[in-house]
């Protein structure tokens, strides 16, 4: 832990910058969702709007994880565990999509359900 007032002030300043950044990007997210000028693709909710929203949310989540949860100063084992988690998450998402495109699935569908 920090022991001098200068180190504490440094961390408090970083927390304030991250907090203001999170507030600003929250307003940007709302603007992307509501302002027609910033609408990606056709009018209304499209895949582009969802992609932009998820990118903004990912940026905000990484700021919270790195600064507020102090993951920026962790050992490499934490990053390896997080990397495996992301890898297996995308693997499960791929397997779920692969199941939807499975041609054998059509054989087992009951007509009228």
Protein backbone atom coordinates (compact mmCIF):
# COMPACT_ATOMS: atom_id res chain seq x y z
CA UNK A 1 0.00 0.00 0.00
CA UNK A 2 0.96 3.57 -0.45
CA UNK A 3 2.43 5.26 2.56
CA UNK A 4 3.17 8.80 1.49
CA UNK A 5 0.59 11.50 0.74
CA UNK A 6 2.11 12.07 -2.71
CA UNK A 7 1.53 8.46 -3.73
CA UNK A 8 -2.04 8.59 -2.43
CA UNK A 9 -2.73 11.82 -4.34
CA UNK A 10 -1.33 10.22 -7.49
CA UNK A 11 -3.73 7.28 -7.18
CA UNK A 12 -6.70 9.50 -6.34
CA UNK A 13 -5.96 11.58 -9.45
CA UNK A 14 -5.90 8.41 -11.58
CA UNK A 15 -9.22 7.29 -10.06
CA UNK A 16 -10.79 10.65 -10.85
CA UNK A 17 -9.56 10.55 -14.45
CA UNK A 18 -10.96 7.05 -14.91
CA UNK A 19 -14.24 8.06 -13.28
CA UNK A 20 -14.63 11.06 -15.58
CA UNK A 21 -13.74 8.88 -18.56
CA UNK A 22 -16.39 6.34 -17.58
CA UNK A 23 -19.00 9.08 -17.27
CA UNK A 24 -18.00 10.54 -20.65
CA UNK A 25 -18.19 7.18 -22.39
CA UNK A 26 -21.57 6.52 -20.79
CA UNK A 27 -22.83 9.69 -22.46
CA UNK A 28 -21.19 8.59 -25.73
CA UNK A 29 -22.98 5.24 -25.49
CA UNK A 30 -26.32 6.98 -25.00
CA UNK A 31 -25.54 9.34 -27.88
CA UNK A 32 -24.74 6.43 -30.20
CA UNK A 33 -28.04 4.82 -29.24
CA UNK A 34 -30.22 7.93 -29.50
CA UNK A 35 -28.71 10.48 -31.91
CA UNK A 36 -29.57 9.71 -35.56
CA UNK A 37 -26.32 11.33 -36.78
CA UNK A 38 -24.27 8.72 -34.89
CA UNK A 39 -26.49 5.81 -35.96
CA UNK A 40 -24.43 3.09 -37.63
CA UNK A 41 -26.12 1.46 -40.59
CA UNK A 42 -29.86 1.73 -41.15
CA UNK A 43 -32.17 3.62 -38.82
CA UNK A 44 -32.92 1.71 -35.63
CA UNK A 45 -30.99 -0.97 -33.83
CA UNK A 46 -28.60 -2.76 -36.18
CA UNK A 47 -25.57 -4.98 -35.82
CA UNK A 48 -23.29 -1.98 -36.24
CA UNK A 49 -24.95 -0.20 -33.31
CA UNK A 50 -24.57 -3.29 -31.15
CA UNK A 51 -20.91 -3.63 -32.17
CA UNK A 52 -20.14 0.00 -31.30
CA UNK A 53 -21.97 -0.34 -27.98
CA UNK A 54 -20.07 -3.51 -27.10
CA UNK A 55 -16.74 -1.92 -28.02
CA UNK A 56 -17.46 1.04 -25.76
CA UNK A 57 -18.57 -1.29 -22.97
CA UNK A 58 -15.42 -3.40 -23.38
CA UNK A 59 -13.25 -0.29 -23.13
CA UNK A 60 -15.06 0.82 -19.98
CA UNK A 61 -14.79 -2.65 -18.43
CA UNK A 62 -11.07 -2.80 -19.16
CA UNK A 63 -10.58 0.57 -17.45
CA UNK A 64 -12.42 -0.64 -14.38
CA UNK A 65 -10.49 -3.91 -14.30
CA UNK A 66 -7.08 -2.35 -14.83
CA UNK A 67 -7.37 0.69 -12.57
CA UNK A 68 -10.04 0.05 -9.93
CA UNK A 69 -9.32 -3.67 -9.56
CA UNK A 70 -5.53 -3.09 -9.79
CA UNK A 71 -4.98 -5.69 -12.51
CA UNK A 72 -2.39 -3.45 -14.17
CA UNK A 73 0.15 -4.41 -11.45
CA UNK A 74 -0.63 -8.12 -11.16
CA UNK A 75 1.66 -11.05 -11.79
CA UNK A 76 1.68 -12.80 -15.14
CA UNK A 77 -0.31 -15.77 -13.80
CA UNK A 78 -3.43 -13.58 -13.54
CA UNK A 79 -3.08 -12.60 -17.20
CA UNK A 80 -2.64 -16.24 -18.22
CA UNK A 81 -5.83 -17.21 -16.38
CA UNK A 82 -7.71 -14.31 -17.99
CA UNK A 83 -6.37 -15.27 -21.43
CA UNK A 84 -7.54 -18.88 -20.97
CA UNK A 85 -10.94 -17.60 -19.85
CA UNK A 86 -11.31 -15.46 -22.97
CA UNK A 87 -10.11 -18.34 -25.17
CA UNK A 88 -12.63 -20.79 -23.73
CA UNK A 89 -15.42 -18.20 -23.83
CA UNK A 90 -14.94 -17.69 -27.56
CA UNK A 91 -14.62 -21.46 -28.00
CA UNK A 92 -17.99 -21.99 -26.33
CA UNK A 93 -19.55 -19.24 -28.45
CA UNK A 94 -18.16 -20.86 -31.60
CA UNK A 95 -19.48 -24.26 -30.57
CA UNK A 96 -22.92 -22.76 -29.90
CA UNK A 97 -23.00 -21.15 -33.34
CA UNK A 98 -21.70 -24.34 -34.91
CA UNK A 99 -24.61 -26.25 -33.36
CA UNK A 100 -27.08 -23.84 -34.97
CA UNK A 101 -25.55 -24.51 -38.40
CA UNK A 102 -25.50 -28.29 -37.87
CA UNK A 103 -27.22 -30.01 -40.85
CA UNK A 104 -28.06 -33.11 -38.77
CA UNK A 105 -30.23 -30.96 -36.51
CA UNK A 106 -32.88 -30.77 -39.26
CA UNK A 107 -33.43 -34.52 -39.09
CA UNK A 108 -34.49 -34.42 -35.45
CA UNK A 109 -36.91 -31.48 -35.69
CA UNK A 110 -40.50 -32.56 -35.15
CA UNK A 111 -42.89 -31.03 -37.70
CA UNK A 112 -45.44 -28.66 -36.23
CA UNK A 113 -43.43 -27.71 -33.13
